């Protein structure tokens, strides 16, 4: 059974950090692009970061560049999103998803992805 399971969300103060994990099973992670997305109440889902199958290429939403870092450990079937200097506007449900191909200029698009996790809540508030 194909699964992507996010964890690591929670409540954090502005300026704080969280590391999200996307644990995968049921497929060979090393064959797929993985993206991180978020959706805030009343807003559309947006792509925030993506990484190709080997980890050698990444892309980021402009508003998270320099604050978020995506990485992957294919041997552990896990992809990570390190989030530093969090801001209240980062509050959202965060999702990971897999895509069968990698196109750097397109990999933040929701429609590039075929399978999704259930999400983890991140709340940034004092």
PDB file of N, CA and C in Angstrom:
ATOM      1  N   UNK A   1       0.846  -1.179   0.000  1.00  0.00           N
ATOM      2  CA  UNK A   1       0.000   0.000   0.000  1.00  0.00           C
ATOM      3  C   UNK A   1       0.889   1.240   0.000  1.00  0.00           C
ATOM      4  N   UNK A   2       0.607   2.141  -0.942  1.00  0.00           N
ATOM      5  CA  UNK A   2       1.370   3.369  -1.053  1.00  0.00           C
ATOM      6  C   UNK A   2       0.971   4.332   0.059  1.00  0.00           C
ATOM      7  N   UNK A   3       1.946   4.818   0.796  1.00  0.00           N
ATOM      8  CA  UNK A   3       1.669   5.765   1.871  1.00  0.00           C
ATOM      9  C   UNK A   3       2.709   6.862   1.903  1.00  0.00           C
ATOM     10  N   UNK A   4       2.242   8.071   2.185  1.00  0.00           N
ATOM     11  CA  UNK A   4       3.095   9.194   2.539  1.00  0.00           C
ATOM     12  C   UNK A   4       2.511   9.758   3.833  1.00  0.00           C
ATOM     13  N   UNK A   5       3.314   9.810   4.871  1.00  0.00           N
ATOM     14  CA  UNK A   5       2.826  10.218   6.179  1.00  0.00           C
ATOM     15  C   UNK A   5       3.695  11.350   6.713  1.00  0.00           C
ATOM     16  N   UNK A   6       3.072  12.510   6.886  1.00  0.00           N
ATOM     17  CA  UNK A   6       3.775  13.667   7.418  1.00  0.00           C
ATOM     18  C   UNK A   6       3.753  13.661   8.944  1.00  0.00           C
ATOM     19  N   UNK A   7       4.816  14.179   9.529  1.00  0.00           N
ATOM     20  CA  UNK A   7       4.875  14.353  10.981  1.00  0.00           C
ATOM     21  C   UNK A   7       5.808  15.518  11.303  1.00  0.00           C
ATOM     22  N   UNK A   8       5.772  15.934  12.555  1.00  0.00           N
ATOM     23  CA  UNK A   8       6.672  16.994  12.990  1.00  0.00           C
ATOM     24  C   UNK A   8       6.047  18.353  13.129  1.00  0.00           C
ATOM     25  N   UNK A   9       4.784  18.466  12.782  1.00  0.00           N
ATOM     26  CA  UNK A   9       4.108  19.745  12.942  1.00  0.00           C
ATOM     27  C   UNK A   9       3.820  20.045  14.398  1.00  0.00           C
ATOM     28  N   UNK A  10       3.342  21.250  14.620  1.00  0.00           N
ATOM     29  CA  UNK A  10       3.011  21.648  15.988  1.00  0.00           C
ATOM     30  C   UNK A  10       2.891  23.145  16.115  1.00  0.00           C
ATOM     31  N   UNK A  11       2.864  23.595  17.361  1.00  0.00           N
ATOM     32  CA  UNK A  11       2.775  25.017  17.673  1.00  0.00           C
ATOM     33  C   UNK A  11       4.171  25.536  17.999  1.00  0.00           C
ATOM     34  N   UNK A  12       4.552  26.630  17.363  1.00  0.00           N
ATOM     35  CA  UNK A  12       5.873  27.206  17.584  1.00  0.00           C
ATOM     36  C   UNK A  12       5.748  28.719  17.591  1.00  0.00           C
ATOM     37  N   UNK A  13       6.611  29.382  18.336  1.00  0.00           N
ATOM     38  CA  UNK A  13       6.598  30.840  18.380  1.00  0.00           C
ATOM     39  C   UNK A  13       7.272  31.418  17.142  1.00  0.00           C
ATOM     40  N   UNK A  14       6.914  32.629  16.775  1.00  0.00           N
ATOM     41  CA  UNK A  14       7.623  33.281  15.658  1.00  0.00           C
ATOM     42  C   UNK A  14       9.120  33.282  15.894  1.00  0.00           C
ATOM     43  N   UNK A  15       9.858  32.994  14.838  1.00  0.00           N
ATOM     44  CA  UNK A  15      11.307  32.875  14.939  1.00  0.00           C
ATOM     45  C   UNK A  15      11.789  31.481  15.269  1.00  0.00           C
ATOM     46  N   UNK A  16      10.876  30.611  15.615  1.00  0.00           N
ATOM     47  CA  UNK A  16      11.242  29.249  15.975  1.00  0.00           C
ATOM     48  C   UNK A  16      11.447  28.348  14.768  1.00  0.00           C
ATOM     49  N   UNK A  17      11.724  27.084  15.061  1.00  0.00           N
ATOM     50  CA  UNK A  17      12.031  26.101  14.018  1.00  0.00           C
ATOM     51  C   UNK A  17      11.226  24.822  14.224  1.00  0.00           C
ATOM     52  N   UNK A  18      10.978  24.153  13.121  1.00  0.00           N
ATOM     53  CA  UNK A  18      10.394  22.816  13.119  1.00  0.00           C
ATOM     54  C   UNK A  18      11.025  22.021  11.989  1.00  0.00           C
ATOM     55  N   UNK A  19      11.089  20.717  12.156  1.00  0.00           N
ATOM     56  CA  UNK A  19      11.496  19.846  11.067  1.00  0.00           C
ATOM     57  C   UNK A  19      10.364  18.876  10.779  1.00  0.00           C
ATOM     58  N   UNK A  20       9.834  18.965   9.582  1.00  0.00           N
ATOM     59  CA  UNK A  20       8.795  18.050   9.142  1.00  0.00           C
ATOM     60  C   UNK A  20       9.435  16.836   8.477  1.00  0.00           C
ATOM     61  N   UNK A  21       8.786  15.699   8.654  1.00  0.00           N
ATOM     62  CA  UNK A  21       9.219  14.474   7.990  1.00  0.00           C
ATOM     63  C   UNK A  21       8.079  13.937   7.138  1.00  0.00           C
ATOM     64  N   UNK A  22       8.453  13.350   6.023  1.00  0.00           N
ATOM     65  CA  UNK A  22       7.504  12.661   5.146  1.00  0.00           C
ATOM     66  C   UNK A  22       8.007  11.223   5.032  1.00  0.00           C
ATOM     67  N   UNK A  23       7.390  10.332   5.777  1.00  0.00           N
ATOM     68  CA  UNK A  23       7.770   8.923   5.745  1.00  0.00           C
ATOM     69  C   UNK A  23       6.971   8.221   4.664  1.00  0.00           C
ATOM     70  N   UNK A  24       7.664   7.474   3.828  1.00  0.00           N
ATOM     71  CA  UNK A  24       6.997   6.833   2.699  1.00  0.00           C
ATOM     72  C   UNK A  24       7.097   5.318   2.789  1.00  0.00           C
ATOM     73  N   UNK A  25       6.162   4.641   2.173  1.00  0.00           N
ATOM     74  CA  UNK A  25       6.175   3.191   2.090  1.00  0.00           C
ATOM     75  C   UNK A  25       5.341   2.754   0.899  1.00  0.00           C
ATOM     76  N   UNK A  26       5.589   1.526   0.468  1.00  0.00           N
ATOM     77  CA  UNK A  26       4.810   0.975  -0.630  1.00  0.00           C
ATOM     78  C   UNK A  26       5.356   1.282  -2.011  1.00  0.00           C
ATOM     79  N   UNK A  27       6.458   2.015  -2.071  1.00  0.00           N
ATOM     80  CA  UNK A  27       7.087   2.295  -3.357  1.00  0.00           C
ATOM     81  C   UNK A  27       8.556   2.635  -3.106  1.00  0.00           C
ATOM     82  N   UNK A  28       9.331   2.672  -4.169  1.00  0.00           N
ATOM     83  CA  UNK A  28      10.750   2.981  -4.061  1.00  0.00           C
ATOM     84  C   UNK A  28      10.944   4.487  -4.131  1.00  0.00           C
ATOM     85  N   UNK A  29      11.222   5.080  -2.966  1.00  0.00           N
ATOM     86  CA  UNK A  29      11.302   6.534  -2.885  1.00  0.00           C
ATOM     87  C   UNK A  29      12.310   7.108  -3.872  1.00  0.00           C
ATOM     88  N   UNK A  30      13.401   6.409  -4.082  1.00  0.00           N
ATOM     89  CA  UNK A  30      14.472   6.926  -4.927  1.00  0.00           C
ATOM     90  C   UNK A  30      14.104   7.122  -6.391  1.00  0.00           C
ATOM     91  N   UNK A  31      12.933   6.691  -6.791  1.00  0.00           N
ATOM     92  CA  UNK A  31      12.491   6.867  -8.176  1.00  0.00           C
ATOM     93  C   UNK A  31      11.628   8.118  -8.364  1.00  0.00           C
ATOM     94  N   UNK A  32      11.306   8.828  -7.262  1.00  0.00           N
ATOM     95  CA  UNK A  32      10.289   9.866  -7.337  1.00  0.00           C
ATOM     96  C   UNK A  32      10.767  11.218  -6.838  1.00  0.00           C
ATOM     97  N   UNK A  33      10.218  12.233  -7.459  1.00  0.00           N
ATOM     98  CA  UNK A  33      10.287  13.591  -6.944  1.00  0.00           C
ATOM     99  C   UNK A  33       9.322  13.729  -5.780  1.00  0.00           C
ATOM    100  N   UNK A  34       9.723  14.470  -4.761  1.00  0.00           N
ATOM    101  CA  UNK A  34       8.851  14.750  -3.621  1.00  0.00           C
ATOM    102  C   UNK A  34       8.707  16.260  -3.466  1.00  0.00           C
ATOM    103  N   UNK A  35       7.497  16.676  -3.229  1.00  0.00           N
ATOM    104  CA  UNK A  35       7.222  18.083  -2.986  1.00  0.00           C
ATOM    105  C   UNK A  35       6.560  18.298  -1.652  1.00  0.00           C
ATOM    106  N   UNK A  36       6.793  19.472  -1.085  1.00  0.00           N
ATOM    107  CA  UNK A  36       6.091  19.916   0.120  1.00  0.00           C
ATOM    108  C   UNK A  36       5.155  21.054  -0.278  1.00  0.00           C
ATOM    109  N   UNK A  37       3.953  20.975   0.240  1.00  0.00           N
ATOM    110  CA  UNK A  37       2.926  21.964  -0.044  1.00  0.00           C
ATOM    111  C   UNK A  37       2.304  22.406   1.266  1.00  0.00           C
ATOM    112  N   UNK A  38       1.574  23.513   1.225  1.00  0.00           N
ATOM    113  CA  UNK A  38       0.827  23.937   2.401  1.00  0.00           C
ATOM    114  C   UNK A  38      -0.482  24.582   1.975  1.00  0.00           C
ATOM    115  N   UNK A  39      -1.418  24.524   2.889  1.00  0.00           N
ATOM    116  CA  UNK A  39      -2.718  25.132   2.639  1.00  0.00           C
ATOM    117  C   UNK A  39      -3.220  25.785   3.912  1.00  0.00           C
ATOM    118  N   UNK A  40      -3.396  27.084   3.834  1.00  0.00           N
ATOM    119  CA  UNK A  40      -3.933  27.847   4.950  1.00  0.00           C
ATOM    120  C   UNK A  40      -5.448  27.970   4.780  1.00  0.00           C
ATOM    121  N   UNK A  41      -6.170  28.200   5.859  1.00  0.00           N
ATOM    122  CA  UNK A  41      -7.629  28.316   5.766  1.00  0.00           C
ATOM    123  C   UNK A  41      -8.044  29.382   4.755  1.00  0.00           C
ATOM    124  N   UNK A  42      -8.944  29.001   3.861  1.00  0.00           N
ATOM    125  CA  UNK A  42      -9.448  29.939   2.883  1.00  0.00           C
ATOM    126  C   UNK A  42      -8.529  30.217   1.723  1.00  0.00           C
ATOM    127  N   UNK A  43      -7.399  29.519   1.668  1.00  0.00           N
ATOM    128  CA  UNK A  43      -6.440  29.759   0.587  1.00  0.00           C
ATOM    129  C   UNK A  43      -6.215  28.489  -0.219  1.00  0.00           C
ATOM    130  N   UNK A  44      -5.697  28.647  -1.411  1.00  0.00           N
ATOM    131  CA  UNK A  44      -5.371  27.496  -2.234  1.00  0.00           C
ATOM    132  C   UNK A  44      -4.089  26.831  -1.743  1.00  0.00           C
ATOM    133  N   UNK A  45      -3.982  25.561  -2.055  1.00  0.00           N
ATOM    134  CA  UNK A  45      -2.753  24.832  -1.732  1.00  0.00           C
ATOM    135  C   UNK A  45      -1.613  25.377  -2.583  1.00  0.00           C
ATOM    136  N   UNK A  46      -0.466  25.614  -1.942  1.00  0.00           N
ATOM    137  CA  UNK A  46       0.680  26.148  -2.674  1.00  0.00           C
ATOM    138  C   UNK A  46       1.912  25.285  -2.452  1.00  0.00           C
ATOM    139  N   UNK A  47       2.707  25.192  -3.509  1.00  0.00           N
ATOM    140  CA  UNK A  47       3.951  24.460  -3.415  1.00  0.00           C
ATOM    141  C   UNK A  47       5.017  25.312  -2.761  1.00  0.00           C
ATOM    142  N   UNK A  48       5.764  24.744  -1.825  1.00  0.00           N
ATOM    143  CA  UNK A  48       6.786  25.504  -1.134  1.00  0.00           C
ATOM    144  C   UNK A  48       8.183  24.973  -1.385  1.00  0.00           C
ATOM    145  N   UNK A  49       8.300  23.680  -1.690  1.00  0.00           N
ATOM    146  CA  UNK A  49       9.619  23.150  -1.989  1.00  0.00           C
ATOM    147  C   UNK A  49       9.484  21.803  -2.675  1.00  0.00           C
ATOM    148  N   UNK A  50      10.506  21.454  -3.441  1.00  0.00           N
ATOM    149  CA  UNK A  50      10.506  20.158  -4.115  1.00  0.00           C
ATOM    150  C   UNK A  50      11.951  19.709  -4.287  1.00  0.00           C
ATOM    151  N   UNK A  51      12.112  18.399  -4.447  1.00  0.00           N
ATOM    152  CA  UNK A  51      13.441  17.817  -4.563  1.00  0.00           C
ATOM    153  C   UNK A  51      13.386  16.647  -5.537  1.00  0.00           C
ATOM    154  N   UNK A  52      14.382  16.557  -6.394  1.00  0.00           N
ATOM    155  CA  UNK A  52      14.364  15.472  -7.377  1.00  0.00           C
ATOM    156  C   UNK A  52      14.766  14.148  -6.726  1.00  0.00           C
ATOM    157  N   UNK A  53      14.718  13.085  -7.497  1.00  0.00           N
ATOM    158  CA  UNK A  53      14.852  11.748  -6.927  1.00  0.00           C
ATOM    159  C   UNK A  53      16.194  11.518  -6.236  1.00  0.00           C
ATOM    160  N   UNK A  54      17.254  12.105  -6.759  1.00  0.00           N
ATOM    161  CA  UNK A  54      18.584  11.904  -6.171  1.00  0.00           C
ATOM    162  C   UNK A  54      18.892  12.908  -5.065  1.00  0.00           C
ATOM    163  N   UNK A  55      18.121  13.983  -5.004  1.00  0.00           N
ATOM    164  CA  UNK A  55      18.400  15.052  -4.050  1.00  0.00           C
ATOM    165  C   UNK A  55      19.324  16.118  -4.589  1.00  0.00           C
ATOM    166  N   UNK A  56      19.711  15.991  -5.848  1.00  0.00           N
ATOM    167  CA  UNK A  56      20.663  16.918  -6.418  1.00  0.00           C
ATOM    168  C   UNK A  56      20.087  18.216  -6.928  1.00  0.00           C
ATOM    169  N   UNK A  57      18.780  18.313  -6.990  1.00  0.00           N
ATOM    170  CA  UNK A  57      18.137  19.530  -7.475  1.00  0.00           C
ATOM    171  C   UNK A  57      16.923  19.834  -6.622  1.00  0.00           C
ATOM    172  N   UNK A  58      16.769  21.108  -6.290  1.00  0.00           N
ATOM    173  CA  UNK A  58      15.652  21.538  -5.456  1.00  0.00           C
ATOM    174  C   UNK A  58      15.074  22.840  -6.002  1.00  0.00           C
ATOM    175  N   UNK A  59      13.914  23.185  -5.496  1.00  0.00           N
ATOM    176  CA  UNK A  59      13.307  24.461  -5.826  1.00  0.00           C
ATOM    177  C   UNK A  59      12.510  24.919  -4.614  1.00  0.00           C
ATOM    178  N   UNK A  60      12.355  26.237  -4.487  1.00  0.00           N
ATOM    179  CA  UNK A  60      11.661  26.794  -3.326  1.00  0.00           C
ATOM    180  C   UNK A  60      10.759  27.945  -3.746  1.00  0.00           C
ATOM    181  N   UNK A  61       9.673  28.070  -3.019  1.00  0.00           N
ATOM    182  CA  UNK A  61       8.840  29.265  -3.120  1.00  0.00           C
ATOM    183  C   UNK A  61       9.661  30.451  -2.620  1.00  0.00           C
ATOM    184  N   UNK A  62       9.528  31.573  -3.279  1.00  0.00           N
ATOM    185  CA  UNK A  62      10.362  32.726  -2.917  1.00  0.00           C
ATOM    186  C   UNK A  62      10.242  33.106  -1.439  1.00  0.00           C
ATOM    187  N   UNK A  63       9.052  33.013  -0.893  1.00  0.00           N
ATOM    188  CA  UNK A  63       8.841  33.476   0.476  1.00  0.00           C
ATOM    189  C   UNK A  63       9.482  32.580   1.527  1.00  0.00           C
ATOM    190  N   UNK A  64       9.955  31.402   1.145  1.00  0.00           N
ATOM    191  CA  UNK A  64      10.604  30.515   2.110  1.00  0.00           C
ATOM    192  C   UNK A  64      12.086  30.329   1.830  1.00  0.00           C
ATOM    193  N   UNK A  65      12.569  30.881   0.740  1.00  0.00           N
ATOM    194  CA  UNK A  65      13.995  30.751   0.416  1.00  0.00           C
ATOM    195  C   UNK A  65      14.840  31.336   1.533  1.00  0.00           C
ATOM    196  N   UNK A  66      15.881  30.600   1.906  1.00  0.00           N
ATOM    197  CA  UNK A  66      16.756  31.045   2.976  1.00  0.00           C
ATOM    198  C   UNK A  66      16.270  30.679   4.358  1.00  0.00           C
ATOM    199  N   UNK A  67      15.020  30.229   4.459  1.00  0.00           N
ATOM    200  CA  UNK A  67      14.470  29.827   5.759  1.00  0.00           C
ATOM    201  C   UNK A  67      14.174  28.323   5.811  1.00  0.00           C
ATOM    202  N   UNK A  68      13.735  27.756   4.697  1.00  0.00           N
ATOM    203  CA  UNK A  68      13.375  26.341   4.636  1.00  0.00           C
ATOM    204  C   UNK A  68      14.408  25.580   3.817  1.00  0.00           C
ATOM    205  N   UNK A  69      14.650  24.335   4.220  1.00  0.00           N
ATOM    206  CA  UNK A  69      15.564  23.465   3.484  1.00  0.00           C
ATOM    207  C   UNK A  69      14.946  22.085   3.338  1.00  0.00           C
ATOM    208  N   UNK A  70      14.873  21.623   2.108  1.00  0.00           N
ATOM    209  CA  UNK A  70      14.358  20.281   1.838  1.00  0.00           C
ATOM    210  C   UNK A  70      15.535  19.333   1.668  1.00  0.00           C
ATOM    211  N   UNK A  71      15.376  18.107   2.141  1.00  0.00           N
ATOM    212  CA  UNK A  71      16.402  17.094   1.979  1.00  0.00           C
ATOM    213  C   UNK A  71      15.717  15.734   1.965  1.00  0.00           C
ATOM    214  N   UNK A  72      16.481  14.729   1.581  1.00  0.00           N
ATOM    215  CA  UNK A  72      15.895  13.398   1.532  1.00  0.00           C
ATOM    216  C   UNK A  72      16.925  12.349   1.916  1.00  0.00           C
ATOM    217  N   UNK A  73      16.425  11.261   2.487  1.00  0.00           N
ATOM    218  CA  UNK A  73      17.246  10.099   2.838  1.00  0.00           C
ATOM    219  C   UNK A  73      16.544   8.901   2.229  1.00  0.00           C
ATOM    220  N   UNK A  74      16.888   8.607   0.995  1.00  0.00           N
ATOM    221  CA  UNK A  74      16.185   7.533   0.289  1.00  0.00           C
ATOM    222  C   UNK A  74      16.311   6.188   1.006  1.00  0.00           C
ATOM    223  N   UNK A  75      17.446   5.947   1.610  1.00  0.00           N
ATOM    224  CA  UNK A  75      17.645   4.679   2.318  1.00  0.00           C
ATOM    225  C   UNK A  75      16.717   4.561   3.526  1.00  0.00           C
ATOM    226  N   UNK A  76      16.265   5.705   4.038  1.00  0.00           N
ATOM    227  CA  UNK A  76      15.339   5.720   5.174  1.00  0.00           C
ATOM    228  C   UNK A  76      13.904   5.952   4.725  1.00  0.00           C
ATOM    229  N   UNK A  77      13.708   6.051   3.409  1.00  0.00           N
ATOM    230  CA  UNK A  77      12.362   6.268   2.859  1.00  0.00           C
ATOM    231  C   UNK A  77      11.705   7.528   3.420  1.00  0.00           C
ATOM    232  N   UNK A  78      12.498   8.564   3.600  1.00  0.00           N
ATOM    233  CA  UNK A  78      12.001   9.766   4.260  1.00  0.00           C
ATOM    234  C   UNK A  78      12.528  11.030   3.577  1.00  0.00           C
ATOM    235  N   UNK A  79      11.647  12.015   3.506  1.00  0.00           N
ATOM    236  CA  UNK A  79      12.012  13.345   3.030  1.00  0.00           C
ATOM    237  C   UNK A  79      11.729  14.332   4.153  1.00  0.00           C
ATOM    238  N   UNK A  80      12.588  15.323   4.273  1.00  0.00           N
ATOM    239  CA  UNK A  80      12.501  16.275   5.379  1.00  0.00           C
ATOM    240  C   UNK A  80      12.285  17.702   4.864  1.00  0.00           C
ATOM    241  N   UNK A  81      11.701  18.504   5.733  1.00  0.00           N
ATOM    242  CA  UNK A  81      11.619  19.945   5.479  1.00  0.00           C
ATOM    243  C   UNK A  81      12.003  20.647   6.772  1.00  0.00           C
ATOM    244  N   UNK A  82      13.197  21.210   6.782  1.00  0.00           N
ATOM    245  CA  UNK A  82      13.659  21.994   7.920  1.00  0.00           C
ATOM    246  C   UNK A  82      13.167  23.418   7.757  1.00  0.00           C
ATOM    247  N   UNK A  83      12.436  23.900   8.746  1.00  0.00           N
ATOM    248  CA  UNK A  83      11.843  25.233   8.675  1.00  0.00           C
ATOM    249  C   UNK A  83      12.392  26.081   9.815  1.00  0.00           C
ATOM    250  N   UNK A  84      13.094  27.130   9.468  1.00  0.00           N
ATOM    251  CA  UNK A  84      13.682  28.046  10.451  1.00  0.00           C
ATOM    252  C   UNK A  84      13.056  29.422  10.327  1.00  0.00           C
ATOM    253  N   UNK A  85      13.226  30.220  11.377  1.00  0.00           N
ATOM    254  CA  UNK A  85      12.707  31.589  11.381  1.00  0.00           C
ATOM    255  C   UNK A  85      11.244  31.619  10.938  1.00  0.00           C
ATOM    256  N   UNK A  86      10.447  30.784  11.557  1.00  0.00           N
ATOM    257  CA  UNK A  86       9.046  30.689  11.170  1.00  0.00           C
ATOM    258  C   UNK A  86       8.287  31.970  11.481  1.00  0.00           C
ATOM    259  N   UNK A  87       7.325  32.245  10.622  1.00  0.00           N
ATOM    260  CA  UNK A  87       6.516  33.458  10.731  1.00  0.00           C
ATOM    261  C   UNK A  87       5.042  33.081  10.846  1.00  0.00           C
ATOM    262  N   UNK A  88       4.227  33.954  11.400  1.00  0.00           N
ATOM    263  CA  UNK A  88       2.794  33.635  11.510  1.00  0.00           C
ATOM    264  C   UNK A  88       2.171  33.272  10.164  1.00  0.00           C
ATOM    265  N   UNK A  89       2.642  33.861   9.101  1.00  0.00           N
ATOM    266  CA  UNK A  89       2.078  33.553   7.782  1.00  0.00           C
ATOM    267  C   UNK A  89       2.465  32.171   7.264  1.00  0.00           C
ATOM    268  N   UNK A  90       3.332  31.478   7.990  1.00  0.00           N
ATOM    269  CA  UNK A  90       3.647  30.086   7.633  1.00  0.00           C
ATOM    270  C   UNK A  90       2.618  29.112   8.206  1.00  0.00           C
ATOM    271  N   UNK A  91       1.702  29.605   9.000  1.00  0.00           N
ATOM    272  CA  UNK A  91       0.673  28.745   9.582  1.00  0.00           C
ATOM    273  C   UNK A  91      -0.185  28.117   8.490  1.00  0.00           C
ATOM    274  N   UNK A  92      -0.278  26.789   8.504  1.00  0.00           N
ATOM    275  CA  UNK A  92      -1.010  26.052   7.475  1.00  0.00           C
ATOM    276  C   UNK A  92      -0.937  24.566   7.789  1.00  0.00           C
ATOM    277  N   UNK A  93      -1.682  23.797   7.027  1.00  0.00           N
ATOM    278  CA  UNK A  93      -1.489  22.356   6.999  1.00  0.00           C
ATOM    279  C   UNK A  93      -0.446  22.078   5.926  1.00  0.00           C
ATOM    280  N   UNK A  94       0.550  21.295   6.282  1.00  0.00           N
ATOM    281  CA  UNK A  94       1.649  20.977   5.373  1.00  0.00           C
ATOM    282  C   UNK A  94       1.510  19.549   4.865  1.00  0.00           C
ATOM    283  N   UNK A  95       1.668  19.397   3.560  1.00  0.00           N
ATOM    284  CA  UNK A  95       1.521  18.108   2.902  1.00  0.00           C
ATOM    285  C   UNK A  95       2.780  17.753   2.115  1.00  0.00           C
ATOM    286  N   UNK A  96       3.076  16.463   2.046  1.00  0.00           N
ATOM    287  CA  UNK A  96       4.071  16.006   1.085  1.00  0.00           C
ATOM    288  C   UNK A  96       3.350  15.207   0.007  1.00  0.00           C
ATOM    289  N   UNK A  97       3.979  15.143  -1.153  1.00  0.00           N
ATOM    290  CA  UNK A  97       3.380  14.470  -2.296  1.00  0.00           C
ATOM    291  C   UNK A  97       4.483  13.939  -3.200  1.00  0.00           C
ATOM    292  N   UNK A  98       4.144  12.962  -4.014  1.00  0.00           N
ATOM    293  CA  UNK A  98       5.132  12.401  -4.917  1.00  0.00           C
ATOM    294  C   UNK A  98       4.736  12.639  -6.369  1.00  0.00           C
ATOM    295  N   UNK A  99       5.761  12.795  -7.197  1.00  0.00           N
ATOM    296  CA  UNK A  99       5.563  13.000  -8.620  1.00  0.00           C
ATOM    297  C   UNK A  99       6.468  12.045  -9.387  1.00  0.00           C
ATOM    298  N   UNK A 100       6.023  11.572 -10.541  1.00  0.00           N
ATOM    299  CA  UNK A 100       6.807  10.596 -11.300  1.00  0.00           C
ATOM    300  C   UNK A 100       7.947  11.206 -12.099  1.00  0.00           C
ATOM    301  N   UNK A 101       8.003  12.516 -12.199  1.00  0.00           N
ATOM    302  CA  UNK A 101       9.065  13.156 -12.960  1.00  0.00           C
ATOM    303  C   UNK A 101       9.468  14.443 -12.267  1.00  0.00           C
ATOM    304  N   UNK A 102      10.580  15.004 -12.700  1.00  0.00           N
ATOM    305  CA  UNK A 102      11.057  16.248 -12.106  1.00  0.00           C
ATOM    306  C   UNK A 102      11.280  17.270 -13.197  1.00  0.00           C
ATOM    307  N   UNK A 103      10.583  18.348 -13.063  1.00  0.00           N
ATOM    308  CA  UNK A 103      10.813  19.509 -13.914  1.00  0.00           C
ATOM    309  C   UNK A 103      10.965  20.696 -12.968  1.00  0.00           C
ATOM    310  N   UNK A 104      12.165  21.176 -12.833  1.00  0.00           N
ATOM    311  CA  UNK A 104      12.466  22.157 -11.782  1.00  0.00           C
ATOM    312  C   UNK A 104      11.545  23.366 -11.864  1.00  0.00           C
ATOM    313  N   UNK A 105      11.278  23.822 -13.066  1.00  0.00           N
ATOM    314  CA  UNK A 105      10.451  25.022 -13.204  1.00  0.00           C
ATOM    315  C   UNK A 105       8.982  24.751 -12.905  1.00  0.00           C
ATOM    316  N   UNK A 106       8.600  23.487 -12.857  1.00  0.00           N
ATOM    317  CA  UNK A 106       7.195  23.108 -12.677  1.00  0.00           C
ATOM    318  C   UNK A 106       6.934  22.400 -11.352  1.00  0.00           C
ATOM    319  N   UNK A 107       7.961  22.103 -10.598  1.00  0.00           N
ATOM    320  CA  UNK A 107       7.788  21.154  -9.496  1.00  0.00           C
ATOM    321  C   UNK A 107       7.094  21.735  -8.271  1.00  0.00           C
ATOM    322  N   UNK A 108       6.721  23.001  -8.312  1.00  0.00           N
ATOM    323  CA  UNK A 108       5.902  23.565  -7.245  1.00  0.00           C
ATOM    324  C   UNK A 108       4.417  23.599  -7.611  1.00  0.00           C
ATOM    325  N   UNK A 109       4.091  23.044  -8.745  1.00  0.00           N
ATOM    326  CA  UNK A 109       2.695  23.006  -9.184  1.00  0.00           C
ATOM    327  C   UNK A 109       1.987  21.794  -8.602  1.00  0.00           C
ATOM    328  N   UNK A 110       0.798  22.000  -8.080  1.00  0.00           N
ATOM    329  CA  UNK A 110       0.019  20.912  -7.491  1.00  0.00           C
ATOM    330  C   UNK A 110      -0.236  19.814  -8.518  1.00  0.00           C
ATOM    331  N   UNK A 111      -0.493  20.197  -9.761  1.00  0.00           N
ATOM    332  CA  UNK A 111      -0.882  19.198 -10.760  1.00  0.00           C
ATOM    333  C   UNK A 111       0.266  18.352 -11.264  1.00  0.00           C
ATOM    334  N   UNK A 112       1.484  18.579 -10.782  1.00  0.00           N
ATOM    335  CA  UNK A 112       2.597  17.700 -11.119  1.00  0.00           C
ATOM    336  C   UNK A 112       2.582  16.431 -10.262  1.00  0.00           C
ATOM    337  N   UNK A 113       1.768  16.389  -9.221  1.00  0.00           N
ATOM    338  CA  UNK A 113       1.832  15.346  -8.204  1.00  0.00           C
ATOM    339  C   UNK A 113       0.630  14.425  -8.246  1.00  0.00           C
ATOM    340  N   UNK A 114       0.889  13.137  -8.017  1.00  0.00           N
ATOM    341  CA  UNK A 114      -0.164  12.135  -8.155  1.00  0.00           C
ATOM    342  C   UNK A 114      -0.650  11.564  -6.835  1.00  0.00           C
ATOM    343  N   UNK A 115       0.175  11.645  -5.787  1.00  0.00           N
ATOM    344  CA  UNK A 115      -0.200  11.005  -4.529  1.00  0.00           C
ATOM    345  C   UNK A 115       0.207  11.911  -3.374  1.00  0.00           C
ATOM    346  N   UNK A 116      -0.660  11.941  -2.354  1.00  0.00           N
ATOM    347  CA  UNK A 116      -0.529  12.918  -1.272  1.00  0.00           C
ATOM    348  C   UNK A 116      -0.637  12.264   0.099  1.00  0.00           C
ATOM    349  N   UNK A 117       0.041  12.878   1.055  1.00  0.00           N
ATOM    350  CA  UNK A 117      -0.161  12.503   2.441  1.00  0.00           C
ATOM    351  C   UNK A 117      -1.374  13.198   3.020  1.00  0.00           C
ATOM    352  N   UNK A 118      -1.612  12.958   4.298  1.00  0.00           N
ATOM    353  CA  UNK A 118      -2.812  13.486   4.960  1.00  0.00           C
ATOM    354  C   UNK A 118      -2.579  14.854   5.587  1.00  0.00           C
ATOM    355  N   UNK A 119      -1.333  15.258   5.708  1.00  0.00           N
ATOM    356  CA  UNK A 119      -1.003  16.583   6.209  1.00  0.00           C
ATOM    357  C   UNK A 119      -0.692  16.630   7.690  1.00  0.00           C
ATOM    358  N   UNK A 120       0.059  17.667   8.069  1.00  0.00           N
ATOM    359  CA  UNK A 120       0.376  17.933   9.465  1.00  0.00           C
ATOM    360  C   UNK A 120       0.235  19.432   9.700  1.00  0.00           C
ATOM    361  N   UNK A 121      -0.352  19.789  10.823  1.00  0.00           N
ATOM    362  CA  UNK A 121      -0.648  21.186  11.111  1.00  0.00           C
ATOM    363  C   UNK A 121       0.586  21.885  11.665  1.00  0.00           C
ATOM    364  N   UNK A 122       0.886  23.044  11.118  1.00  0.00           N
ATOM    365  CA  UNK A 122       1.928  23.917  11.650  1.00  0.00           C
ATOM    366  C   UNK A 122       1.267  25.239  12.028  1.00  0.00           C
ATOM    367  N   UNK A 123       1.432  25.628  13.277  1.00  0.00           N
ATOM    368  CA  UNK A 123       0.872  26.887  13.757  1.00  0.00           C
ATOM    369  C   UNK A 123       1.994  27.725  14.349  1.00  0.00           C
ATOM    370  N   UNK A 124       2.141  28.929  13.834  1.00  0.00           N
ATOM    371  CA  UNK A 124       3.172  29.849  14.306  1.00  0.00           C
ATOM    372  C   UNK A 124       2.470  31.014  14.996  1.00  0.00           C
ATOM    373  N   UNK A 125       2.621  31.061  16.307  1.00  0.00           N
ATOM    374  CA  UNK A 125       1.895  32.063  17.077  1.00  0.00           C
ATOM    375  C   UNK A 125       2.591  32.289  18.403  1.00  0.00           C
ATOM    376  N   UNK A 126       2.500  33.520  18.886  1.00  0.00           N
ATOM    377  CA  UNK A 126       3.036  33.816  20.208  1.00  0.00           C
ATOM    378  C   UNK A 126       1.946  33.686  21.267  1.00  0.00           C
TER     379      UNK A 126
END
